C-alpha cells in the first residue's frame, strides 16, 4: 500500500481539528511550516517530522507528496498554486479562496502539473451527510423537494485576528461558515444552484462583519433550500442535536455564555494560546459524528434528517434511524477522498471545480444582501 506523505502549511485551528485523521495508516505527516516556533516544536515532538518557518521551504521538500494548506484564507490560493507548481498534490481548507479568479488559478495550476486538488474539510464530508446522499440517490424516497438547514453558534465570539472580522479580507460567517452549509445542501440537492436571495446581519460594532445570514437557494429541477446561521453566541442549536457539538464532542448546557466571558485581553494572544502548540491547546474528544446543525431534507416520500448517530427517516407510516457506527477517527472521510484521488486515480467529489461553485454561491449571498435582490447564477 502506497503511503501518502503529508506536509502541513499552517498549524492553527484547522490543522488541530483535522490532525486526528492523519493517524490513518494510508498517510504520514512528515513536515510542517508555521511562523510560530512553539507550534513547530510540538509538531516535531508529536510527529517527528521536518519543520520549516516558511511554506516555500515546505513545498521544496522532496519527501512531501501532498501539501495540506491550512493557512489563513487569504493565503490559500498562493500557497496552493505554489505547491502545485512544485509537483505536490494539494488538500486545501475551505473556503477554497476569496475570489473566483483565484479559484480558477488554483485549478489551472493543478491541471498544468497533473496533480490532484481536493478542497476540505467541509461538513459535507461528514458520514451522516454522505449516508443521507446515498439514501437519496437510492431513489427509495423520491426526489428532493426542499432542504432546511440552520446553525446557531458562538462563532463570532471566539478569539479572532483582525482580518477575521473584516469581510473584505475574507472574514465573517459568509466566508467561514456558509461554505459548510452551501456544500451540504448542494451535495444533498444533487443539482446546480440557480438563484440566491440572502439577508445578512452585522449587529455588533465591535465585531464589524457579518455574524448571521438567512438565505434561500433555488436549484435546477425545482428543489429549494433555506439556510440560516447565527454566530452571535446566544441560542445554541446543539440543543437540537442532543448536546453533541460540531466536532462530535459532548457538550455541557451549563457552559452557556463561556465564549463571551473568555473573550478578554489581546485576541491574537488568546487565539495563539488555544492553537496547536499553545499552553491552552486541548484536543477535541469526539464521541459521535461531526455535524453542522439541524438539517432536514424533504423528499417526495419522506423527510431525512442527518444526526451524529446516523440518519433519521420520517416516512408515510413510520420513523426509524438508519444508524452509523461511531467514528473510529474523526474526518476519516477526507483521507478516503484524498487517497482515492492521489493513489487510486478516482476523481474527487470535493474537487476544485466543486469548491469554486460553492464559493460562487457564498459570494452571491453577499451580493444579494448588499443589493437587496435575488442573484441568478450562470448556467
Protein backbone atom coordinates (compact mmCIF):
# COMPACT_ATOMS: atom_id res chain seq x y z
CA UNK A 1 0.00 0.00 0.00
CA UNK A 2 1.34 3.39 -1.01
CA UNK A 3 1.52 5.74 1.97
CA UNK A 4 0.94 9.43 1.20
CA UNK A 5 3.47 11.70 2.85
CA UNK A 6 1.79 14.92 4.02
CA UNK A 7 3.34 18.33 4.61
CA UNK A 8 1.21 20.80 6.55
CA UNK A 9 1.17 24.51 5.70
CA UNK A 10 -0.20 26.18 8.83
CA UNK A 11 -0.53 24.62 12.29
CA UNK A 12 -3.54 26.61 13.51
CA UNK A 13 -7.05 25.51 14.46
CA UNK A 14 -7.82 23.94 11.08
CA UNK A 15 -4.87 21.58 11.47
CA UNK A 16 -5.71 20.91 15.12
CA UNK A 17 -9.20 19.63 14.35
CA UNK A 18 -8.03 17.76 11.25
CA UNK A 19 -4.96 16.15 12.83
CA UNK A 20 -6.71 13.01 14.19
CA UNK A 21 -7.48 11.98 10.61
CA UNK A 22 -3.77 11.85 9.85
CA UNK A 23 -3.42 8.82 12.12
CA UNK A 24 -4.85 6.85 9.18
CA UNK A 25 -2.24 4.25 8.11
CA UNK A 26 -2.55 5.39 4.48
CA UNK A 27 -0.94 8.75 5.28
CA UNK A 28 2.04 10.04 7.22
CA UNK A 29 2.78 13.53 8.49
CA UNK A 30 6.38 14.22 7.50
CA UNK A 31 6.77 18.02 7.53
CA UNK A 32 5.13 21.27 8.56
CA UNK A 33 5.53 25.02 8.14
CA UNK A 34 4.35 27.69 10.56
CA UNK A 35 5.73 31.04 11.79
CA UNK A 36 5.18 30.05 15.45
CA UNK A 37 8.19 28.25 16.98
CA UNK A 38 6.04 26.66 19.69
CA UNK A 39 3.83 25.03 17.06
CA UNK A 40 6.82 23.69 15.15
CA UNK A 41 8.33 22.32 18.35
CA UNK A 42 5.11 20.48 19.20
CA UNK A 43 4.88 19.09 15.68
CA UNK A 44 8.42 17.69 15.97
CA UNK A 45 7.55 16.17 19.33
CA UNK A 46 4.23 14.68 18.16
CA UNK A 47 5.20 13.53 14.68
CA UNK A 48 8.97 13.65 14.37
CA UNK A 49 8.79 15.42 11.03
CA UNK A 50 10.83 18.22 9.49
CA UNK A 51 9.75 21.79 10.19
CA UNK A 52 10.06 24.99 8.18
CA UNK A 53 9.47 28.64 9.05
CA UNK A 54 8.02 29.26 5.56
CA UNK A 55 5.65 27.44 3.22
CA UNK A 56 8.16 27.98 0.41
CA UNK A 57 10.60 25.72 2.23
CA UNK A 58 7.94 23.09 2.83
CA UNK A 59 6.97 22.99 -0.84
CA UNK A 60 10.55 22.20 -1.90
CA UNK A 61 10.81 19.19 0.44
CA UNK A 62 11.31 16.22 -1.92
CA UNK A 63 9.74 13.79 0.56
CA UNK A 64 6.36 15.55 0.59
CA UNK A 65 3.67 14.11 -1.69
CA UNK A 66 0.74 16.28 -0.58
CA UNK A 67 0.67 19.79 0.86
CA UNK A 68 -2.25 20.41 3.21
CA UNK A 69 -2.90 24.16 3.04
CA UNK A 70 -4.40 25.12 6.41
CA UNK A 71 -3.27 28.75 6.49
CA UNK A 72 -5.46 31.84 6.90
CA UNK A 73 -7.88 32.20 3.99
CA UNK A 74 -6.01 34.93 2.12
CA UNK A 75 -3.05 32.57 1.61
CA UNK A 76 -4.97 29.57 0.27
CA UNK A 77 -4.61 30.50 -3.40
CA UNK A 78 -0.93 31.50 -3.50
CA UNK A 79 0.21 28.53 -1.41
CA UNK A 80 -1.93 26.01 -3.29
CA UNK A 81 -0.55 27.32 -6.58
CA UNK A 82 3.00 27.20 -5.21
CA UNK A 83 2.58 23.62 -4.01
CA UNK A 84 1.11 22.53 -7.35
CA UNK A 85 3.95 24.23 -9.23
CA UNK A 86 6.39 22.05 -7.27
CA UNK A 87 4.51 18.90 -8.28
CA UNK A 88 2.75 18.43 -4.94
CA UNK A 89 -0.85 17.28 -4.67
CA UNK A 90 -2.96 19.77 -2.70
CA UNK A 91 -5.53 19.44 0.07
CA UNK A 92 -6.73 22.95 0.86
CA UNK A 93 -9.09 24.07 3.60
CA UNK A 94 -12.39 25.80 2.89
CA UNK A 95 -13.12 28.39 1.68
CA UNK A 96 -11.10 27.45 -1.38
CA UNK A 97 -10.11 31.09 -1.94
CA UNK A 98 -11.54 34.60 -1.67
CA UNK A 99 -12.31 35.17 -5.36
CA UNK A 100 -13.40 33.07 -8.31
CA UNK A 101 -10.33 34.28 -10.19
CA UNK A 102 -8.11 32.75 -7.51
CA UNK A 103 -10.10 29.51 -7.69
CA UNK A 104 -9.53 29.33 -11.44
CA UNK A 105 -5.82 29.94 -10.93
CA UNK A 106 -5.64 27.07 -8.43
CA UNK A 107 -7.48 24.70 -10.77
CA UNK A 108 -5.20 25.67 -13.65
CA UNK A 109 -2.05 25.25 -11.54
CA UNK A 110 -3.11 21.71 -10.60
CA UNK A 111 -4.08 20.89 -14.17
CA UNK A 112 -0.80 22.19 -15.56
CA UNK A 113 1.35 19.88 -13.43
CA UNK A 114 -1.10 16.97 -13.31
CA UNK A 115 -1.62 16.95 -9.56
CA UNK A 116 -4.83 16.41 -7.59
CA UNK A 117 -6.64 19.30 -5.89
CA UNK A 118 -9.07 18.40 -3.08
CA UNK A 119 -10.88 21.07 -1.02
CA UNK A 120 -11.85 20.30 2.56
CA UNK A 121 -12.66 19.68 5.25
CA UNK A 122 -16.20 20.95 4.96
CA UNK A 123 -19.08 19.27 6.77
CA UNK A 124 -20.34 17.79 3.52
CA UNK A 125 -17.62 15.17 4.15
CA UNK A 126 -19.42 14.06 7.35
CA UNK A 127 -20.56 10.43 7.28
CA UNK A 128 -24.23 11.22 8.13
CA UNK A 129 -24.38 13.66 5.19
CA UNK A 130 -22.84 11.10 2.86
CA UNK A 131 -25.30 8.50 4.18
CA UNK A 132 -28.24 10.85 3.51
CA UNK A 133 -26.91 11.40 -0.01
CA UNK A 134 -26.74 7.62 -0.51
CA UNK A 135 -30.35 7.24 0.65
CA UNK A 136 -31.49 10.00 -1.71
CA UNK A 137 -29.60 8.52 -4.65
CA UNK A 138 -31.21 5.11 -3.99
CA UNK A 139 -34.50 6.58 -5.25
CA UNK A 140 -36.47 4.97 -2.42
CA UNK A 141 -37.73 8.29 -1.09
CA UNK A 142 -38.36 10.17 -4.31
CA UNK A 143 -36.69 13.36 -5.47
CA UNK A 144 -35.51 16.11 -3.13
CA UNK A 145 -38.06 18.91 -2.94
CA UNK A 146 -36.84 21.12 -0.05
CA UNK A 147 -33.90 21.36 2.35
CA UNK A 148 -33.91 23.24 5.65
CA UNK A 149 -30.59 23.90 7.41
CA UNK A 150 -29.85 26.04 10.47
CA UNK A 151 -26.99 26.53 12.89
CA UNK A 152 -26.68 28.84 15.91
CA UNK A 153 -23.20 29.02 17.46
CA UNK A 154 -20.71 31.26 19.29
CA UNK A 155 -18.54 31.63 16.18
CA UNK A 156 -18.16 35.42 16.22
CA UNK A 157 -17.01 35.49 19.86
CA UNK A 158 -14.11 33.15 19.58
CA UNK A 159 -10.70 34.92 19.59
CA UNK A 160 -10.06 36.43 16.16
CA UNK A 161 -7.26 38.03 14.18
CA UNK A 162 -8.23 41.44 12.72
CA UNK A 163 -8.75 40.10 9.20
CA UNK A 164 -11.20 37.51 10.53
CA UNK A 165 -13.50 40.41 11.45
CA UNK A 166 -13.17 42.08 8.05
CA UNK A 167 -15.38 40.83 5.25
CA UNK A 168 -13.10 42.30 2.59
CA UNK A 169 -10.22 40.21 3.94
CA UNK A 170 -12.27 37.00 3.96
CA UNK A 171 -13.68 37.29 7.46
CA UNK A 172 -17.20 36.88 8.80
CA UNK A 173 -19.62 33.99 8.56
CA UNK A 174 -20.21 34.14 4.80
CA UNK A 175 -16.65 33.04 4.02
CA UNK A 176 -16.11 30.93 7.13
CA UNK A 177 -19.38 29.15 7.79
CA UNK A 178 -21.63 29.45 4.74
CA UNK A 179 -19.15 27.27 2.85
CA UNK A 180 -20.17 24.37 5.11
CA UNK A 181 -23.92 24.83 4.68
CA UNK A 182 -23.76 25.54 0.96
CA UNK A 183 -21.57 22.48 0.39
CA UNK A 184 -24.03 20.31 2.32
CA UNK A 185 -27.20 21.45 0.57
CA UNK A 186 -25.58 21.33 -2.87
CA UNK A 187 -24.48 17.75 -2.23
CA UNK A 188 -27.91 16.68 -0.98
CA UNK A 189 -29.89 18.52 -3.65
CA UNK A 190 -27.79 16.90 -6.36
CA UNK A 191 -28.19 19.75 -8.84
CA UNK A 192 -26.85 23.21 -9.60
CA UNK A 193 -27.89 26.34 -7.72
CA UNK A 194 -29.94 28.55 -9.99
CA UNK A 195 -30.65 31.65 -7.86
CA UNK A 196 -29.78 33.15 -4.47
CA UNK A 197 -31.70 35.51 -2.22
CA UNK A 198 -29.96 36.35 1.04
CA UNK A 199 -30.09 38.67 4.04
CA UNK A 200 -27.17 39.23 6.38
CA UNK A 201 -26.79 40.61 9.89
CA UNK A 202 -23.92 42.67 11.28
CA UNK A 203 -25.14 43.67 14.71
CA UNK A 204 -22.06 44.24 16.89
CA UNK A 205 -19.95 47.34 16.06
CA UNK A 206 -17.05 45.82 17.98
CA UNK A 207 -17.03 42.91 15.54
CA UNK A 208 -17.76 44.68 12.24
CA UNK A 209 -18.52 41.81 9.89
CA UNK A 210 -21.45 39.57 9.08
CA UNK A 211 -22.34 37.40 12.04
CA UNK A 212 -25.60 35.98 10.69
CA UNK A 213 -27.44 35.25 7.47
CA UNK A 214 -30.67 33.84 6.13
CA UNK A 215 -30.80 32.64 2.57
CA UNK A 216 -32.98 30.82 0.08
CA UNK A 217 -31.48 28.90 -2.81
CA UNK A 218 -33.32 27.53 -5.83
CA UNK A 219 -31.93 24.59 -7.75
CA UNK A 220 -32.25 23.37 -11.28
CA UNK A 221 -35.09 20.88 -11.27
CA UNK A 222 -37.21 22.85 -8.83
CA UNK A 223 -35.85 22.00 -5.37
CA UNK A 224 -35.16 24.84 -2.94
CA UNK A 225 -33.24 25.26 0.31
CA UNK A 226 -33.39 27.59 3.29
CA UNK A 227 -30.13 28.30 5.12
CA UNK A 228 -29.99 30.12 8.48
CA UNK A 229 -26.85 30.79 10.51
CA UNK A 230 -26.05 32.91 13.55
CA UNK A 231 -22.71 33.14 15.30
CA UNK A 232 -23.79 35.65 17.96
CA UNK A 233 -23.37 33.31 20.95
CA UNK A 234 -26.94 33.37 22.21
CA UNK A 235 -29.09 30.34 21.29
CA UNK A 236 -27.04 27.17 20.76
CA UNK A 237 -28.63 24.86 18.17
CA UNK A 238 -26.63 21.91 19.52
CA UNK A 239 -29.61 21.68 21.88
CA UNK A 240 -31.41 20.20 18.84
CA UNK A 241 -28.57 17.71 18.29
CA UNK A 242 -28.68 16.04 21.71
CA UNK A 243 -25.95 18.35 23.01
CA UNK A 244 -23.41 16.87 20.65
CA UNK A 245 -21.11 19.65 19.40
CA UNK A 246 -19.96 20.37 15.87
CA UNK A 247 -16.82 18.27 16.35
CA UNK A 248 -18.75 15.28 17.71
CA UNK A 249 -17.95 16.09 21.34
CA UNK A 250 -20.42 16.00 24.21
CA UNK A 251 -21.37 19.47 25.43
CA UNK A 252 -22.45 20.75 28.82
CA UNK A 253 -25.52 23.02 28.60
CA UNK A 254 -24.31 24.70 31.80
CA UNK A 255 -21.37 26.19 29.88
CA UNK A 256 -23.71 28.76 28.30
CA UNK A 257 -22.05 32.15 27.78
CA UNK A 258 -18.46 30.95 28.16
CA UNK A 259 -17.32 32.31 24.79
CA UNK A 260 -18.17 35.90 25.66
CA UNK A 261 -16.80 35.56 29.20
CA UNK A 262 -13.48 34.19 27.93
CA UNK A 263 -13.02 36.93 25.32
CA UNK A 264 -10.92 39.21 27.49
CA UNK A 265 -7.49 40.58 26.64
CA UNK A 266 -5.50 40.56 23.42
CA UNK A 267 -7.36 38.31 20.98
CA UNK A 268 -4.28 37.33 18.99
CA UNK A 269 -2.62 36.10 22.17
CA UNK A 270 -5.77 34.27 23.23
CA UNK A 271 -6.01 32.62 19.82
CA UNK A 272 -2.36 31.55 19.81
CA UNK A 273 -2.67 30.17 23.32
CA UNK A 274 -5.57 27.93 22.23
CA UNK A 275 -3.99 26.89 18.94
CA UNK A 276 -1.78 23.88 18.36
CA UNK A 277 1.42 24.34 20.40
CA UNK A 278 -0.12 26.92 22.73
CA UNK A 279 -0.39 26.45 26.51
CA UNK A 280 -4.19 26.23 26.41
CA UNK A 281 -4.44 23.83 23.48
CA UNK A 282 -6.74 20.87 24.07
CA UNK A 283 -7.60 18.14 21.59
CA UNK A 284 -11.32 17.61 20.98
CA UNK A 285 -12.56 14.26 22.25
CA UNK A 286 -15.22 13.09 19.79
CA UNK A 287 -17.83 10.52 20.75
CA UNK A 288 -20.07 10.83 17.70
CA UNK A 289 -20.02 12.02 14.10
CA UNK A 290 -19.45 15.68 13.37
CA UNK A 291 -22.28 17.89 12.15
CA UNK A 292 -23.24 21.43 11.15
CA UNK A 293 -26.54 21.90 12.92
CA UNK A 294 -30.01 20.53 12.25
CA UNK A 295 -30.75 19.65 8.61
CA UNK A 296 -33.98 18.25 7.19
CA UNK A 297 -34.12 17.01 3.60
CA UNK A 298 -37.73 16.88 2.42
CA UNK A 299 -38.06 14.29 -0.32
CA UNK A 300 -41.30 13.42 -2.07
CA UNK A 301 -41.88 10.32 0.08
CA UNK A 302 -40.00 11.07 3.32
CA UNK A 303 -38.04 13.59 5.33
CA UNK A 304 -34.41 12.68 6.06
CA UNK A 305 -32.51 14.16 9.00
CA UNK A 306 -28.77 13.54 9.38
CA UNK A 307 -27.76 13.12 13.04
CA UNK A 308 -24.45 12.45 14.85
CA UNK A 309 -25.60 8.81 15.16
CA UNK A 310 -26.99 8.20 11.67
CA UNK A 311 -29.91 9.39 9.54
CA UNK A 312 -33.50 9.58 10.79
CA UNK A 313 -36.07 8.65 8.16
CA UNK A 314 -39.60 10.01 8.56
CA UNK A 315 -41.81 8.13 6.09
CA UNK A 316 -45.53 7.98 5.46
CA UNK A 317 -46.24 5.44 8.19
CA UNK A 318 -43.12 5.11 10.33
CA UNK A 319 -39.99 6.81 11.55
CA UNK A 320 -36.70 4.99 12.03
CA UNK A 321 -33.00 5.58 12.46
CA UNK A 322 -30.60 4.28 9.83
CA UNK A 323 -27.65 4.04 12.24
CA UNK A 324 -23.96 4.64 11.74
CA UNK A 325 -21.23 3.23 13.93
CA UNK A 326 -19.37 5.88 15.95
CA UNK A 327 -16.31 7.12 14.07
CA UNK A 328 -13.02 5.44 14.86
CA UNK A 329 -11.17 8.52 13.61
CA UNK A 330 -12.66 11.97 13.08
CA UNK A 331 -12.76 13.18 9.45
CA UNK A 332 -11.55 9.88 8.04
CA UNK A 333 -13.76 10.65 5.04
CA UNK A 334 -11.30 13.36 3.97
CA UNK A 335 -8.48 10.83 3.87
CA UNK A 336 -10.72 8.42 1.93
CA UNK A 337 -11.25 11.03 -0.77
CA UNK A 338 -7.67 12.29 -0.81
CA UNK A 339 -6.21 8.80 -1.00
CA UNK A 340 -8.70 7.77 -3.65
CA UNK A 341 -7.71 10.73 -5.81
CA UNK A 342 -3.92 10.57 -5.40
CA UNK A 343 -3.19 6.86 -5.01
CA UNK A 344 -6.11 5.26 -6.85
CA UNK A 345 -6.87 7.77 -9.59
CA UNK A 346 -10.50 8.35 -8.60
CA UNK A 347 -11.96 11.76 -9.35
CA UNK A 348 -12.53 13.60 -6.04
CA UNK A 349 -16.03 14.69 -5.13
CA UNK A 350 -14.71 17.87 -3.49
CA UNK A 351 -12.62 18.97 -6.44
CA UNK A 352 -11.51 22.48 -7.27
CA UNK A 353 -14.47 22.89 -9.59
CA UNK A 354 -16.86 21.74 -6.86
CA UNK A 355 -15.43 24.16 -4.30
CA UNK A 356 -15.41 27.06 -6.75
CA UNK A 357 -19.14 26.53 -7.32
CA UNK A 358 -19.68 26.68 -3.54
CA UNK A 359 -17.70 29.93 -3.30
CA UNK A 360 -19.76 31.33 -6.17
CA UNK A 361 -22.91 30.80 -4.09
CA UNK A 362 -21.32 32.38 -0.98
CA UNK A 363 -20.27 35.44 -2.98
CA UNK A 364 -23.77 35.63 -4.47
CA UNK A 365 -25.18 35.61 -0.93
CA UNK A 366 -23.07 38.67 -0.09
CA UNK A 367 -24.08 40.38 -3.32
CA UNK A 368 -27.77 39.59 -2.83
CA UNK A 369 -27.79 41.02 0.68
CA UNK A 370 -25.95 44.17 -0.36
CA UNK A 371 -28.16 44.83 -3.38
CA UNK A 372 -31.43 43.73 -1.80
CA UNK A 373 -32.39 41.43 -4.67
CA UNK A 374 -32.18 37.91 -5.97
CA UNK A 375 -28.97 36.96 -7.81
CA UNK A 376 -29.11 34.49 -10.71
CA UNK A 377 -26.08 32.28 -11.22
CA UNK A 378 -24.52 31.48 -14.56
CA UNK A 379 -25.75 28.23 -16.18
